[in-house]
Amino acid sequence: MEKQEIRTFGRRHGKKLSQRKQWLMENILPQIAPDSVSGILEIGFGAGEHVRDLARANPDKIIIGAEPFANGVAALLGAICDEETNEILPEYKNIRIWPDDVRDYLRGTDARFAQIWILHPDPWPKARHEKRRLLQTEFIQTVARYLAPGGEIIIGTDHWEYFDWICQRAHESGLAYETPKIDTIKTRYQAKNMAETETPKYIIIKSK
């Protein structure tokens, strides 16, 4: 029997979008679909705060954000477009958006990434939900295949039990990794700190 892929990502909708954001989804989003250009990838970008930071810090690189949650995609579109003209602001011209499961994008690209960011993935803290966690060993191995030589997967979480679990999955993947102390990367989800820990922890997984 063929192994069924765990669909941690799936198109989801929250509250109804404003008229402007709905227009952006219908008119701007199709214009910035990612292609096979290599650059930097963020998986599960939430409202897109860190995607915007990456775009400003790396104006010479394409920044691709993958997010299946429609409201998060709309939030990022609203932030990168001028409120009056709805045109993309100059500092965000290098952003591309994949509004669905990142695995579907990766299957169709030969791009290689210097960095792949995964910040605050859902920890699914109940034991019976552990299988729903995104960062399974197989997923880490799959994503790592799209790293450029010397590339890195940077993962951050404020859920420390999940952090230890991710470290175990990284070890199982056979990839080299480290757990450095780095400055907190601020996002809307990080500010909520739902795990009520002191600070997020980070793990960096290296390409082979």
N, C-alpha and C. Protein backbone atom coordinates (compact mmCIF):
# COMPACT_ATOMS: atom_id res chain seq x y z
N MET A 1 0.84 -1.20 0.00
CA MET A 1 0.00 0.00 0.00
C MET A 1 0.88 1.24 0.00
N GLU A 2 0.53 2.22 -0.84
CA GLU A 2 1.31 3.44 -0.92
C GLU A 2 1.14 4.25 0.36
N LYS A 3 2.28 4.76 0.85
CA LYS A 3 2.25 5.54 2.08
C LYS A 3 1.56 6.87 1.82
N GLN A 4 0.61 7.23 2.67
CA GLN A 4 -0.13 8.47 2.50
C GLN A 4 0.63 9.61 3.16
N GLU A 5 0.78 10.68 2.42
CA GLU A 5 1.50 11.84 2.93
C GLU A 5 0.66 12.57 3.96
N ILE A 6 1.29 12.98 5.05
CA ILE A 6 0.60 13.75 6.07
C ILE A 6 0.39 15.16 5.55
N ARG A 7 -0.84 15.60 5.46
CA ARG A 7 -1.14 16.91 4.90
C ARG A 7 -1.25 17.93 6.02
N THR A 8 -0.10 18.28 6.60
CA THR A 8 -0.11 19.30 7.64
C THR A 8 -0.57 20.63 7.05
N PHE A 9 -0.11 20.91 5.83
CA PHE A 9 -0.56 22.11 5.15
C PHE A 9 -1.81 21.80 4.35
N GLY A 10 -2.73 22.72 4.33
CA GLY A 10 -3.92 22.58 3.51
C GLY A 10 -4.59 23.93 3.43
N ARG A 11 -5.25 24.22 2.33
CA ARG A 11 -5.87 25.53 2.19
C ARG A 11 -6.88 25.76 3.30
N ARG A 12 -6.71 26.87 4.02
CA ARG A 12 -7.61 27.17 5.13
C ARG A 12 -8.03 28.62 5.05
N HIS A 13 -9.22 28.90 5.53
CA HIS A 13 -9.74 30.26 5.52
C HIS A 13 -10.17 30.63 6.93
N GLY A 14 -10.00 31.89 7.26
CA GLY A 14 -10.46 32.40 8.53
C GLY A 14 -11.59 33.39 8.30
N LYS A 15 -11.45 34.58 8.90
CA LYS A 15 -12.51 35.57 8.75
C LYS A 15 -12.57 36.09 7.32
N LYS A 16 -13.73 36.61 6.95
CA LYS A 16 -13.94 37.11 5.60
C LYS A 16 -12.96 38.24 5.31
N LEU A 17 -12.41 38.23 4.10
CA LEU A 17 -11.44 39.24 3.70
C LEU A 17 -12.13 40.56 3.38
N SER A 18 -11.40 41.66 3.61
CA SER A 18 -11.91 42.96 3.21
C SER A 18 -11.98 43.04 1.69
N GLN A 19 -12.69 44.02 1.19
CA GLN A 19 -12.83 44.18 -0.26
C GLN A 19 -11.46 44.40 -0.90
N ARG A 20 -10.62 45.19 -0.25
CA ARG A 20 -9.28 45.45 -0.80
C ARG A 20 -8.45 44.18 -0.85
N LYS A 21 -8.43 43.43 0.25
CA LYS A 21 -7.61 42.22 0.28
C LYS A 21 -8.12 41.17 -0.70
N GLN A 22 -9.43 41.10 -0.86
CA GLN A 22 -9.97 40.17 -1.84
C GLN A 22 -9.52 40.57 -3.25
N TRP A 23 -9.50 41.86 -3.52
CA TRP A 23 -9.02 42.34 -4.82
C TRP A 23 -7.55 41.99 -5.01
N LEU A 24 -6.76 42.15 -3.97
CA LEU A 24 -5.33 41.82 -4.05
C LEU A 24 -5.14 40.33 -4.32
N MET A 25 -5.93 39.51 -3.66
CA MET A 25 -5.83 38.06 -3.86
C MET A 25 -6.15 37.70 -5.31
N GLU A 26 -7.10 38.39 -5.90
CA GLU A 26 -7.54 38.05 -7.25
C GLU A 26 -6.66 38.67 -8.33
N ASN A 27 -6.03 39.81 -8.04
CA ASN A 27 -5.33 40.55 -9.08
C ASN A 27 -3.82 40.63 -8.91
N ILE A 28 -3.34 40.75 -7.69
CA ILE A 28 -1.89 40.88 -7.46
C ILE A 28 -1.24 39.52 -7.25
N LEU A 29 -1.90 38.65 -6.49
CA LEU A 29 -1.31 37.35 -6.18
C LEU A 29 -0.90 36.58 -7.44
N PRO A 30 -1.72 36.50 -8.48
CA PRO A 30 -1.30 35.75 -9.67
C PRO A 30 -0.06 36.32 -10.34
N GLN A 31 0.21 37.62 -10.13
CA GLN A 31 1.36 38.26 -10.76
C GLN A 31 2.68 37.91 -10.08
N ILE A 32 2.61 37.43 -8.86
CA ILE A 32 3.85 37.17 -8.12
C ILE A 32 3.97 35.70 -7.72
N ALA A 33 3.46 34.85 -8.59
CA ALA A 33 3.65 33.41 -8.37
C ALA A 33 5.13 33.06 -8.54
N PRO A 34 5.67 32.18 -7.70
CA PRO A 34 7.09 31.84 -7.82
C PRO A 34 7.36 30.94 -9.01
N ASP A 35 8.57 31.07 -9.54
CA ASP A 35 9.01 30.17 -10.61
C ASP A 35 10.21 29.39 -10.09
N SER A 36 11.13 29.04 -10.95
CA SER A 36 12.27 28.23 -10.53
C SER A 36 13.50 29.05 -10.20
N VAL A 37 13.30 30.35 -9.94
CA VAL A 37 14.43 31.20 -9.56
C VAL A 37 14.84 30.90 -8.13
N SER A 38 16.11 30.66 -7.91
CA SER A 38 16.60 30.35 -6.58
C SER A 38 16.67 31.62 -5.74
N GLY A 39 16.62 31.44 -4.44
CA GLY A 39 16.70 32.59 -3.54
C GLY A 39 16.58 32.13 -2.10
N ILE A 40 15.61 32.68 -1.39
CA ILE A 40 15.34 32.35 0.01
C ILE A 40 13.88 31.97 0.13
N LEU A 41 13.61 30.92 0.87
CA LEU A 41 12.25 30.41 1.03
C LEU A 41 11.83 30.46 2.49
N GLU A 42 10.62 30.92 2.74
CA GLU A 42 10.03 30.80 4.08
C GLU A 42 8.77 29.95 3.98
N ILE A 43 8.70 28.94 4.83
CA ILE A 43 7.57 28.00 4.84
C ILE A 43 6.65 28.34 6.01
N GLY A 44 5.38 28.60 5.71
CA GLY A 44 4.44 28.93 6.76
C GLY A 44 4.71 30.30 7.34
N PHE A 45 4.51 31.36 6.54
CA PHE A 45 4.97 32.68 6.95
C PHE A 45 3.98 33.45 7.82
N GLY A 46 2.85 32.87 8.15
CA GLY A 46 1.90 33.56 9.02
C GLY A 46 1.36 34.80 8.35
N ALA A 47 1.59 35.97 8.95
CA ALA A 47 1.14 37.23 8.36
C ALA A 47 2.22 37.86 7.50
N GLY A 48 3.41 37.23 7.44
CA GLY A 48 4.43 37.67 6.51
C GLY A 48 5.41 38.70 7.02
N GLU A 49 5.45 38.94 8.33
CA GLU A 49 6.38 39.95 8.85
C GLU A 49 7.83 39.61 8.50
N HIS A 50 8.20 38.34 8.67
CA HIS A 50 9.59 37.96 8.42
C HIS A 50 9.89 37.92 6.93
N VAL A 51 8.92 37.57 6.10
CA VAL A 51 9.12 37.62 4.65
C VAL A 51 9.48 39.05 4.25
N ARG A 52 8.79 40.01 4.79
CA ARG A 52 9.09 41.41 4.47
C ARG A 52 10.47 41.81 4.96
N ASP A 53 10.84 41.35 6.15
CA ASP A 53 12.19 41.63 6.66
C ASP A 53 13.25 41.06 5.73
N LEU A 54 13.02 39.82 5.27
CA LEU A 54 13.97 39.18 4.37
C LEU A 54 14.08 39.96 3.05
N ALA A 55 12.95 40.43 2.55
CA ALA A 55 12.96 41.17 1.28
C ALA A 55 13.76 42.45 1.40
N ARG A 56 13.59 43.16 2.50
CA ARG A 56 14.34 44.42 2.67
C ARG A 56 15.82 44.17 2.89
N ALA A 57 16.14 43.08 3.60
CA ALA A 57 17.54 42.79 3.92
C ALA A 57 18.29 42.16 2.75
N ASN A 58 17.55 41.62 1.78
CA ASN A 58 18.16 40.92 0.64
C ASN A 58 17.56 41.41 -0.67
N PRO A 59 17.75 42.66 -1.01
CA PRO A 59 17.10 43.22 -2.20
C PRO A 59 17.55 42.57 -3.51
N ASP A 60 18.69 41.90 -3.49
CA ASP A 60 19.21 41.26 -4.71
C ASP A 60 18.78 39.80 -4.83
N LYS A 61 17.95 39.31 -3.90
CA LYS A 61 17.51 37.92 -3.92
C LYS A 61 15.98 37.85 -4.01
N ILE A 62 15.50 36.77 -4.62
CA ILE A 62 14.06 36.51 -4.65
C ILE A 62 13.67 35.84 -3.33
N ILE A 63 12.65 36.36 -2.69
CA ILE A 63 12.14 35.82 -1.43
C ILE A 63 10.80 35.15 -1.72
N ILE A 64 10.72 33.86 -1.48
CA ILE A 64 9.50 33.11 -1.73
C ILE A 64 8.86 32.73 -0.40
N GLY A 65 7.61 33.09 -0.23
CA GLY A 65 6.87 32.71 0.96
C GLY A 65 5.78 31.71 0.60
N ALA A 66 5.71 30.63 1.35
CA ALA A 66 4.68 29.60 1.14
C ALA A 66 3.77 29.59 2.36
N GLU A 67 2.47 29.76 2.13
CA GLU A 67 1.51 29.82 3.24
C GLU A 67 0.14 29.41 2.71
N PRO A 68 -0.46 28.34 3.25
CA PRO A 68 -1.76 27.89 2.77
C PRO A 68 -2.95 28.63 3.36
N PHE A 69 -2.71 29.42 4.42
CA PHE A 69 -3.81 30.09 5.11
C PHE A 69 -4.13 31.38 4.37
N ALA A 70 -5.31 31.45 3.77
CA ALA A 70 -5.67 32.56 2.89
C ALA A 70 -5.57 33.91 3.59
N ASN A 71 -5.94 33.97 4.86
CA ASN A 71 -5.89 35.26 5.55
C ASN A 71 -4.46 35.74 5.76
N GLY A 72 -3.53 34.79 5.96
CA GLY A 72 -2.12 35.17 6.07
C GLY A 72 -1.59 35.71 4.76
N VAL A 73 -1.94 35.05 3.66
CA VAL A 73 -1.54 35.52 2.33
C VAL A 73 -2.08 36.92 2.09
N ALA A 74 -3.35 37.12 2.41
CA ALA A 74 -3.97 38.43 2.21
C ALA A 74 -3.32 39.49 3.07
N ALA A 75 -2.93 39.13 4.29
CA ALA A 75 -2.26 40.08 5.18
C ALA A 75 -0.92 40.53 4.59
N LEU A 76 -0.17 39.59 4.04
CA LEU A 76 1.11 39.94 3.43
C LEU A 76 0.89 40.81 2.20
N LEU A 77 -0.07 40.46 1.36
CA LEU A 77 -0.36 41.28 0.19
C LEU A 77 -0.75 42.70 0.59
N GLY A 78 -1.55 42.80 1.64
CA GLY A 78 -1.97 44.13 2.09
C GLY A 78 -0.81 44.97 2.57
N ALA A 79 0.21 44.30 3.15
CA ALA A 79 1.36 45.01 3.70
C ALA A 79 2.38 45.41 2.64
N ILE A 80 2.46 44.66 1.55
CA ILE A 80 3.49 44.95 0.54
C ILE A 80 2.96 45.85 -0.58
N CYS A 81 1.68 46.16 -0.57
CA CYS A 81 1.09 46.99 -1.62
C CYS A 81 0.71 48.36 -1.08
N ASP A 82 0.89 49.35 -1.89
CA ASP A 82 0.52 50.72 -1.55
C ASP A 82 -0.99 50.79 -1.29
N GLU A 83 -1.38 51.47 -0.22
CA GLU A 83 -2.79 51.49 0.17
C GLU A 83 -3.66 52.26 -0.82
N GLU A 84 -3.07 53.19 -1.54
CA GLU A 84 -3.86 53.98 -2.48
C GLU A 84 -3.88 53.39 -3.88
N THR A 85 -2.70 52.97 -4.36
CA THR A 85 -2.62 52.48 -5.74
C THR A 85 -2.73 50.97 -5.84
N ASN A 86 -2.52 50.27 -4.72
CA ASN A 86 -2.48 48.80 -4.67
C ASN A 86 -1.33 48.22 -5.49
N GLU A 87 -0.36 49.05 -5.84
CA GLU A 87 0.83 48.56 -6.51
C GLU A 87 1.83 48.07 -5.47
N ILE A 88 2.63 47.09 -5.84
CA ILE A 88 3.63 46.57 -4.91
C ILE A 88 4.69 47.63 -4.64
N LEU A 89 4.99 47.84 -3.37
CA LEU A 89 5.98 48.83 -2.99
C LEU A 89 7.36 48.42 -3.48
N PRO A 90 8.22 49.38 -3.82
CA PRO A 90 9.54 49.06 -4.41
C PRO A 90 10.38 48.11 -3.59
N GLU A 91 10.34 48.24 -2.26
CA GLU A 91 11.18 47.40 -1.41
C GLU A 91 10.70 45.96 -1.32
N TYR A 92 9.52 45.69 -1.90
CA TYR A 92 8.97 44.34 -1.86
C TYR A 92 8.80 43.71 -3.24
N LYS A 93 9.43 44.30 -4.23
CA LYS A 93 9.31 43.79 -5.60
C LYS A 93 9.92 42.40 -5.75
N ASN A 94 10.77 42.00 -4.80
CA ASN A 94 11.43 40.69 -4.90
C ASN A 94 10.68 39.58 -4.17
N ILE A 95 9.48 39.84 -3.70
CA ILE A 95 8.68 38.83 -2.99
C ILE A 95 7.82 38.04 -3.98
N ARG A 96 7.81 36.73 -3.78
CA ARG A 96 6.91 35.84 -4.51
C ARG A 96 6.12 35.03 -3.49
N ILE A 97 4.88 34.67 -3.82
CA ILE A 97 4.02 33.99 -2.85
C ILE A 97 3.45 32.71 -3.47
N TRP A 98 3.57 31.62 -2.70
CA TRP A 98 2.91 30.35 -3.04
C TRP A 98 1.80 30.15 -2.01
N PRO A 99 0.53 30.30 -2.39
CA PRO A 99 -0.56 30.28 -1.41
C PRO A 99 -1.14 28.89 -1.16
N ASP A 100 -0.27 27.94 -0.90
CA ASP A 100 -0.74 26.55 -0.73
C ASP A 100 0.38 25.73 -0.09
N ASP A 101 0.24 24.43 -0.12
CA ASP A 101 1.19 23.50 0.48
C ASP A 101 2.55 23.64 -0.22
N VAL A 102 3.60 23.89 0.56
CA VAL A 102 4.92 24.11 -0.02
C VAL A 102 5.42 22.89 -0.78
N ARG A 103 4.98 21.70 -0.39
CA ARG A 103 5.45 20.50 -1.08
C ARG A 103 4.99 20.47 -2.53
N ASP A 104 3.82 21.02 -2.78
CA ASP A 104 3.34 21.08 -4.16
C ASP A 104 4.22 22.02 -4.98
N TYR A 105 4.69 23.09 -4.38
CA TYR A 105 5.61 23.99 -5.08
C TYR A 105 6.95 23.31 -5.33
N LEU A 106 7.50 22.67 -4.32
CA LEU A 106 8.82 22.07 -4.44
C LEU A 106 8.85 20.98 -5.50
N ARG A 107 7.77 20.22 -5.62
CA ARG A 107 7.72 19.15 -6.62
C ARG A 107 7.88 19.69 -8.04
N GLY A 108 7.50 20.94 -8.25
CA GLY A 108 7.51 21.48 -9.59
C GLY A 108 8.63 22.45 -9.88
N THR A 109 9.64 22.52 -9.00
CA THR A 109 10.71 23.49 -9.20
C THR A 109 12.07 22.81 -9.12
N ASP A 110 13.04 23.39 -9.81
CA ASP A 110 14.42 22.94 -9.65
C ASP A 110 15.25 24.01 -8.94
N ALA A 111 14.56 24.95 -8.28
CA ALA A 111 15.25 26.00 -7.53
C ALA A 111 16.00 25.41 -6.35
N ARG A 112 17.06 26.07 -5.95
CA ARG A 112 17.83 25.70 -4.77
C ARG A 112 17.99 26.95 -3.90
N PHE A 113 17.88 26.77 -2.60
CA PHE A 113 17.78 27.91 -1.70
C PHE A 113 18.96 28.00 -0.74
N ALA A 114 19.46 29.23 -0.58
CA ALA A 114 20.53 29.47 0.38
C ALA A 114 20.01 29.34 1.81
N GLN A 115 18.75 29.73 2.00
CA GLN A 115 18.11 29.62 3.32
C GLN A 115 16.68 29.16 3.13
N ILE A 116 16.24 28.29 4.03
CA ILE A 116 14.83 27.92 4.13
C ILE A 116 14.42 28.15 5.58
N TRP A 117 13.48 29.06 5.78
CA TRP A 117 13.04 29.44 7.13
C TRP A 117 11.72 28.76 7.47
N ILE A 118 11.65 28.25 8.71
CA ILE A 118 10.40 27.69 9.23
C ILE A 118 10.27 28.21 10.67
N LEU A 119 9.48 29.24 10.86
CA LEU A 119 9.37 29.89 12.16
C LEU A 119 8.02 29.59 12.80
N HIS A 120 8.05 29.08 14.00
CA HIS A 120 6.87 28.81 14.81
C HIS A 120 5.84 27.93 14.12
N PRO A 121 6.26 26.76 13.65
CA PRO A 121 5.27 25.81 13.13
C PRO A 121 4.37 25.33 14.27
N ASP A 122 3.17 24.93 13.93
CA ASP A 122 2.21 24.47 14.95
C ASP A 122 2.82 23.31 15.73
N PRO A 123 2.93 23.42 17.06
CA PRO A 123 3.57 22.35 17.84
C PRO A 123 2.67 21.14 18.09
N TRP A 124 1.37 21.26 17.84
CA TRP A 124 0.46 20.15 18.12
C TRP A 124 0.87 19.47 19.43
N PRO A 125 0.70 20.14 20.57
CA PRO A 125 1.27 19.67 21.83
C PRO A 125 0.69 18.38 22.41
N LYS A 126 -0.54 18.01 22.02
CA LYS A 126 -1.12 16.78 22.56
C LYS A 126 -0.46 15.57 21.92
N ALA A 127 -0.15 14.57 22.74
CA ALA A 127 0.56 13.39 22.25
C ALA A 127 -0.17 12.71 21.09
N ARG A 128 -1.48 12.67 21.14
CA ARG A 128 -2.22 11.97 20.09
C ARG A 128 -2.18 12.72 18.76
N HIS A 129 -1.72 13.98 18.79
CA HIS A 129 -1.63 14.78 17.57
C HIS A 129 -0.21 14.88 17.03
N GLU A 130 0.72 14.18 17.65
CA GLU A 130 2.12 14.31 17.26
C GLU A 130 2.34 14.04 15.78
N LYS A 131 1.57 13.12 15.22
CA LYS A 131 1.75 12.77 13.81
C LYS A 131 1.38 13.92 12.88
N ARG A 132 0.69 14.93 13.40
CA ARG A 132 0.31 16.08 12.58
C ARG A 132 1.44 17.11 12.47
N ARG A 133 2.46 16.97 13.26
CA ARG A 133 3.54 17.94 13.23
C ARG A 133 4.22 17.97 11.87
N LEU A 134 4.53 19.16 11.44
CA LEU A 134 5.13 19.33 10.12
C LEU A 134 6.52 18.74 10.02
N LEU A 135 7.33 18.96 11.03
CA LEU A 135 8.77 18.68 10.91
C LEU A 135 9.11 17.23 11.23
N GLN A 136 8.44 16.33 10.55
CA GLN A 136 8.79 14.92 10.62
C GLN A 136 10.13 14.70 9.92
N THR A 137 10.78 13.59 10.22
CA THR A 137 12.08 13.29 9.63
C THR A 137 12.02 13.33 8.10
N GLU A 138 11.00 12.73 7.53
CA GLU A 138 10.87 12.67 6.07
C GLU A 138 10.72 14.06 5.47
N PHE A 139 9.98 14.93 6.15
CA PHE A 139 9.80 16.29 5.65
C PHE A 139 11.12 17.05 5.67
N ILE A 140 11.86 16.91 6.74
CA ILE A 140 13.17 17.58 6.82
C ILE A 140 14.08 17.11 5.69
N GLN A 141 14.12 15.80 5.46
CA GLN A 141 14.95 15.27 4.38
C GLN A 141 14.50 15.79 3.01
N THR A 142 13.19 15.88 2.83
CA THR A 142 12.66 16.38 1.56
C THR A 142 13.06 17.83 1.33
N VAL A 143 12.83 18.67 2.32
CA VAL A 143 13.14 20.09 2.18
C VAL A 143 14.63 20.31 1.98
N ALA A 144 15.45 19.53 2.68
CA ALA A 144 16.90 19.69 2.58
C ALA A 144 17.42 19.44 1.17
N ARG A 145 16.71 18.66 0.39
CA ARG A 145 17.14 18.40 -0.99
C ARG A 145 17.08 19.66 -1.86
N TYR A 146 16.40 20.67 -1.38
CA TYR A 146 16.28 21.90 -2.15
C TYR A 146 17.21 23.01 -1.64
N LEU A 147 18.13 22.64 -0.77
CA LEU A 147 19.14 23.59 -0.32
C LEU A 147 20.27 23.69 -1.34
N ALA A 148 20.76 24.90 -1.54
CA ALA A 148 21.96 25.10 -2.33
C ALA A 148 23.16 24.62 -1.53
N PRO A 149 24.30 24.36 -2.16
CA PRO A 149 25.50 23.99 -1.40
C PRO A 149 25.80 25.04 -0.32
N GLY A 150 25.97 24.57 0.90
CA GLY A 150 26.20 25.48 2.01
C GLY A 150 24.93 26.10 2.57
N GLY A 151 23.77 25.67 2.04
CA GLY A 151 22.50 26.23 2.49
C GLY A 151 22.07 25.73 3.85
N GLU A 152 21.09 26.42 4.42
CA GLU A 152 20.65 26.11 5.78
C GLU A 152 19.13 26.15 5.90
N ILE A 153 18.59 25.27 6.73
CA ILE A 153 17.20 25.35 7.17
C ILE A 153 17.22 25.95 8.57
N ILE A 154 16.57 27.09 8.76
CA ILE A 154 16.54 27.74 10.07
C ILE A 154 15.15 27.60 10.65
N ILE A 155 15.07 26.93 11.79
CA ILE A 155 13.78 26.63 12.43
C ILE A 155 13.74 27.30 13.80
N GLY A 156 12.63 27.93 14.11
CA GLY A 156 12.46 28.55 15.42
C GLY A 156 11.13 28.18 16.04
N THR A 157 11.13 27.96 17.34
CA THR A 157 9.88 27.67 18.06
C THR A 157 10.01 28.13 19.50
N ASP A 158 8.89 28.57 20.07
CA ASP A 158 8.88 28.93 21.50
C ASP A 158 8.36 27.77 22.35
N HIS A 159 8.07 26.65 21.70
CA HIS A 159 7.58 25.46 22.41
C HIS A 159 8.77 24.53 22.62
N TRP A 160 9.32 24.50 23.82
CA TRP A 160 10.60 23.84 24.05
C TRP A 160 10.53 22.33 23.90
N GLU A 161 9.40 21.73 24.26
CA GLU A 161 9.28 20.28 24.05
C GLU A 161 9.31 19.97 22.56
N TYR A 162 8.65 20.80 21.79
CA TYR A 162 8.67 20.63 20.34
C TYR A 162 10.09 20.83 19.80
N PHE A 163 10.80 21.78 20.36
CA PHE A 163 12.19 22.01 19.95
C PHE A 163 13.03 20.74 20.15
N ASP A 164 12.92 20.13 21.31
CA ASP A 164 13.66 18.89 21.55
C ASP A 164 13.24 17.80 20.57
N TRP A 165 11.96 17.74 20.28
CA TRP A 165 11.43 16.76 19.33
C TRP A 165 11.99 17.00 17.94
N ILE A 166 12.06 18.27 17.52
CA ILE A 166 12.63 18.61 16.22
C ILE A 166 14.10 18.21 16.15
N CYS A 167 14.83 18.45 17.24
CA CYS A 167 16.24 18.05 17.27
C CYS A 167 16.39 16.55 17.05
N GLN A 168 15.49 15.77 17.63
CA GLN A 168 15.52 14.32 17.43
C GLN A 168 15.25 13.96 15.97
N ARG A 169 14.31 14.66 15.35
CA ARG A 169 14.00 14.40 13.95
C ARG A 169 15.17 14.82 13.06
N ALA A 170 15.84 15.90 13.41
CA ALA A 170 17.02 16.33 12.65
C ALA A 170 18.13 15.29 12.74
N HIS A 171 18.31 14.74 13.93
CA HIS A 171 19.31 13.69 14.10
C HIS A 171 18.96 12.47 13.26
N GLU A 172 17.69 12.10 13.25
CA GLU A 172 17.25 10.95 12.46
C GLU A 172 17.43 11.18 10.96
N SER A 173 17.39 12.44 10.55
CA SER A 173 17.49 12.75 9.12
C SER A 173 18.88 12.50 8.56
N GLY A 174 19.88 12.41 9.45
CA GLY A 174 21.25 12.21 9.01
C GLY A 174 21.95 13.49 8.59
N LEU A 175 21.31 14.63 8.78
CA LEU A 175 21.88 15.91 8.40
C LEU A 175 22.59 16.55 9.59
N ALA A 176 23.60 17.32 9.30
CA ALA A 176 24.29 18.06 10.36
C ALA A 176 23.41 19.21 10.84
N TYR A 177 23.45 19.48 12.13
CA TYR A 177 22.66 20.60 12.65
C TYR A 177 23.33 21.16 13.89
N GLU A 178 22.93 22.37 14.24
CA GLU A 178 23.40 23.02 15.46
C GLU A 178 22.25 23.79 16.08
N THR A 179 22.40 24.13 17.36
CA THR A 179 21.33 24.85 18.07
C THR A 179 21.91 26.12 18.68
N PRO A 180 22.24 27.09 17.84
CA PRO A 180 22.89 28.30 18.34
C PRO A 180 21.91 29.22 19.07
N LYS A 181 22.45 30.08 19.91
CA LYS A 181 21.64 31.14 20.51
C LYS A 181 21.73 32.35 19.59
N ILE A 182 20.60 32.74 19.04
CA ILE A 182 20.57 33.90 18.16
C ILE A 182 19.49 34.86 18.65
N ASP A 183 19.58 36.10 18.20
CA ASP A 183 18.60 37.09 18.61
C ASP A 183 17.20 36.66 18.18
N THR A 184 16.23 36.94 19.04
CA THR A 184 14.85 36.57 18.75
C THR A 184 14.38 37.20 17.45
N ILE A 185 13.84 36.37 16.58
CA ILE A 185 13.27 36.85 15.32
C ILE A 185 11.81 37.16 15.60
N LYS A 186 11.45 38.42 15.49
CA LYS A 186 10.13 38.87 15.93
C LYS A 186 9.09 38.69 14.83
N THR A 187 8.02 38.00 15.18
CA THR A 187 6.85 37.87 14.30
C THR A 187 5.61 38.04 15.18
N ARG A 188 4.47 38.13 14.55
CA ARG A 188 3.22 38.27 15.32
C ARG A 188 3.00 37.04 16.20
N TYR A 189 3.30 35.86 15.67
CA TYR A 189 3.11 34.64 16.45
C TYR A 189 4.10 34.60 17.60
N GLN A 190 5.34 35.00 17.34
CA GLN A 190 6.34 35.00 18.40
C GLN A 190 5.92 35.92 19.54
N ALA A 191 5.32 37.05 19.20
CA ALA A 191 4.89 38.00 20.23
C ALA A 191 3.79 37.42 21.11
N LYS A 192 2.97 36.54 20.55
CA LYS A 192 1.92 35.91 21.35
C LYS A 192 2.49 34.97 22.39
N ASN A 193 3.61 34.29 22.06
CA ASN A 193 4.29 33.37 22.98
C ASN A 193 3.28 32.48 23.70
N MET A 194 2.54 31.72 22.92
CA MET A 194 1.49 30.89 23.49
C MET A 194 2.03 29.79 24.40
N ALA A 195 3.30 29.43 24.22
CA ALA A 195 3.90 28.42 25.08
C ALA A 195 4.39 29.01 26.40
N GLU A 196 4.39 30.36 26.50
CA GLU A 196 4.79 31.07 27.72
C GLU A 196 6.20 30.70 28.17
N THR A 197 7.12 30.62 27.20
CA THR A 197 8.52 30.37 27.50
C THR A 197 9.28 31.68 27.46
N GLU A 198 10.54 31.64 27.92
CA GLU A 198 11.31 32.88 28.02
C GLU A 198 11.68 33.45 26.67
N THR A 199 12.05 32.60 25.74
CA THR A 199 12.50 33.05 24.44
C THR A 199 12.42 31.88 23.46
N PRO A 200 12.28 32.15 22.18
CA PRO A 200 12.29 31.04 21.22
C PRO A 200 13.66 30.37 21.18
N LYS A 201 13.66 29.12 20.74
CA LYS A 201 14.91 28.40 20.48
C LYS A 201 15.00 28.13 18.99
N TYR A 202 16.23 28.03 18.52
CA TYR A 202 16.46 27.87 17.09
C TYR A 202 17.38 26.69 16.81
N ILE A 203 17.12 26.06 15.68
CA ILE A 203 17.96 24.97 15.20
C ILE A 203 18.28 25.25 13.74
N ILE A 204 19.52 25.08 13.37
CA ILE A 204 19.96 25.28 11.99
C ILE A 204 20.44 23.94 11.44
N ILE A 205 19.79 23.50 10.37
CA ILE A 205 20.13 22.24 9.72
C ILE A 205 20.91 22.54 8.44
N LYS A 206 22.01 21.87 8.25
CA LYS A 206 22.93 22.17 7.15
C LYS A 206 22.68 21.26 5.95
N SER A 207 22.96 21.78 4.77
CA SER A 207 22.92 20.93 3.58
C SER A 207 24.11 19.99 3.60
N LYS A 208 23.99 18.89 2.88
CA LYS A 208 25.09 17.93 2.81
C LYS A 208 26.20 18.46 1.91
